[in-house]
Amino acid sequence: MYVRCPQCAQPAEILDRFTLGSTDGPLEHVKLQCSSGKHWYTPLSDDVELMHTSPSAEQLKAGQARRAA
């Protein structure tokens, strides 16, 4: 799944989902990597819903090549 990078608005890939404890109970987070490779974020998963975008075929291929390397 891809969303918009919070810093540069390029597509960012969701690499992982995990739960962290808090004083209000567990909160789901995600790990994002910007397609530029320069930005990493771990926002709350609820915040990710606001950043949706659709990747191009080229962006999908680039992401697959990064993971294969």
C-alpha atoms as a PDB file:
ATOM      1  CA  MET A   1       0.000   0.000   0.000  1.00  0.00           C
ATOM      2  CA  TYR A   2       1.234   3.493  -0.815  1.00  0.00           C
ATOM      3  CA  VAL A   3       0.476   6.817   0.850  1.00  0.00           C
ATOM      4  CA  ARG A   4       1.869  10.323   0.471  1.00  0.00           C
ATOM      5  CA  CYS A   5       5.135  11.155   2.222  1.00  0.00           C
ATOM      6  CA  PRO A   6       4.349  13.717   4.964  1.00  0.00           C
ATOM      7  CA  GLN A   7       7.443  15.752   4.046  1.00  0.00           C
ATOM      8  CA  CYS A   8       7.660  15.795   0.235  1.00  0.00           C
ATOM      9  CA  ALA A   9       4.274  14.369  -0.945  1.00  0.00           C
ATOM     10  CA  GLN A  10       6.004  11.647  -3.020  1.00  0.00           C
ATOM     11  CA  PRO A  11       4.568   8.128  -2.699  1.00  0.00           C
ATOM     12  CA  ALA A  12       5.647   6.339   0.473  1.00  0.00           C
ATOM     13  CA  GLU A  13       5.371   2.586   0.943  1.00  0.00           C
ATOM     14  CA  ILE A  14       4.008   1.022   4.133  1.00  0.00           C
ATOM     15  CA  LEU A  15       6.685  -1.496   5.126  1.00  0.00           C
ATOM     16  CA  ASP A  16       5.364  -2.673   8.490  1.00  0.00           C
ATOM     17  CA  ARG A  17       2.457  -2.391  10.946  1.00  0.00           C
ATOM     18  CA  PHE A  18       2.915  -2.806  14.687  1.00  0.00           C
ATOM     19  CA  THR A  19       1.348  -1.930  18.032  1.00  0.00           C
ATOM     20  CA  LEU A  20       3.012   0.113  20.766  1.00  0.00           C
ATOM     21  CA  GLY A  21       1.703   0.521  24.281  1.00  0.00           C
ATOM     22  CA  SER A  22       0.704   3.901  25.640  1.00  0.00           C
ATOM     23  CA  THR A  23      -0.944   5.277  28.758  1.00  0.00           C
ATOM     24  CA  ASP A  24      -4.251   5.171  26.825  1.00  0.00           C
ATOM     25  CA  GLY A  25      -3.737   1.543  25.733  1.00  0.00           C
ATOM     26  CA  PRO A  26      -2.145   0.001  22.629  1.00  0.00           C
ATOM     27  CA  LEU A  27      -1.877   2.149  19.486  1.00  0.00           C
ATOM     28  CA  GLU A  28      -1.266   0.801  15.979  1.00  0.00           C
ATOM     29  CA  HIS A  29       1.624   2.391  14.078  1.00  0.00           C
ATOM     30  CA  VAL A  30       3.062   1.889  10.590  1.00  0.00           C
ATOM     31  CA  LYS A  31       6.573   2.214   9.185  1.00  0.00           C
ATOM     32  CA  LEU A  32       6.746   4.315   5.999  1.00  0.00           C
ATOM     33  CA  GLN A  33       9.592   4.777   3.538  1.00  0.00           C
ATOM     34  CA  CYS A  34       9.432   7.592   1.000  1.00  0.00           C
ATOM     35  CA  SER A  35      10.037   6.523  -2.621  1.00  0.00           C
ATOM     36  CA  SER A  36      12.995   8.932  -2.671  1.00  0.00           C
ATOM     37  CA  GLY A  37      14.600   6.774   0.051  1.00  0.00           C
ATOM     38  CA  LYS A  38      15.368   9.886   2.115  1.00  0.00           C
ATOM     39  CA  HIS A  39      12.446   9.895   4.552  1.00  0.00           C
ATOM     40  CA  TRP A  40      11.275   7.330   7.138  1.00  0.00           C
ATOM     41  CA  TYR A  41       8.275   7.776   9.426  1.00  0.00           C
ATOM     42  CA  THR A  42       6.350   5.784  12.031  1.00  0.00           C
ATOM     43  CA  PRO A  43       2.969   7.539  12.284  1.00  0.00           C
ATOM     44  CA  LEU A  44      -0.159   6.219  13.940  1.00  0.00           C
ATOM     45  CA  SER A  45      -2.094   4.041  11.513  1.00  0.00           C
ATOM     46  CA  ASP A  46      -5.149   6.330  11.859  1.00  0.00           C
ATOM     47  CA  ASP A  47      -3.058   9.208  10.475  1.00  0.00           C
ATOM     48  CA  VAL A  48      -2.046   7.128   7.433  1.00  0.00           C
ATOM     49  CA  GLU A  49      -5.644   7.037   6.224  1.00  0.00           C
ATOM     50  CA  LEU A  50      -5.291  10.764   5.499  1.00  0.00           C
ATOM     51  CA  MET A  51      -2.261  10.255   3.226  1.00  0.00           C
ATOM     52  CA  HIS A  52      -3.622   7.786   0.610  1.00  0.00           C
ATOM     53  CA  THR A  53      -2.330   7.896  -2.944  1.00  0.00           C
ATOM     54  CA  SER A  54      -2.071   5.483  -5.866  1.00  0.00           C
ATOM     55  CA  PRO A  55       1.408   4.615  -7.154  1.00  0.00           C
ATOM     56  CA  SER A  56       2.337   4.573 -10.811  1.00  0.00           C
ATOM     57  CA  ALA A  57       3.566   1.362 -12.452  1.00  0.00           C
ATOM     58  CA  GLU A  58       7.096   2.806 -12.393  1.00  0.00           C
ATOM     59  CA  GLN A  59       6.889   3.457  -8.643  1.00  0.00           C
ATOM     60  CA  LEU A  60       5.665  -0.096  -8.030  1.00  0.00           C
ATOM     61  CA  LYS A  61       8.593  -1.533 -10.015  1.00  0.00           C
ATOM     62  CA  ALA A  62      11.071   0.655  -8.109  1.00  0.00           C
ATOM     63  CA  GLY A  63       9.671  -0.534  -4.785  1.00  0.00           C
ATOM     64  CA  GLN A  64       9.875  -4.176  -5.858  1.00  0.00           C
ATOM     65  CA  ALA A  65      13.482  -3.713  -7.020  1.00  0.00           C
ATOM     66  CA  ARG A  66      14.429  -2.120  -3.658  1.00  0.00           C
ATOM     67  CA  ARG A  67      12.919  -5.028  -1.726  1.00  0.00           C
ATOM     68  CA  ALA A  68      14.649  -7.606  -3.941  1.00  0.00           C
ATOM     69  CA  ALA A  69      18.086  -6.015  -3.412  1.00  0.00           C
END
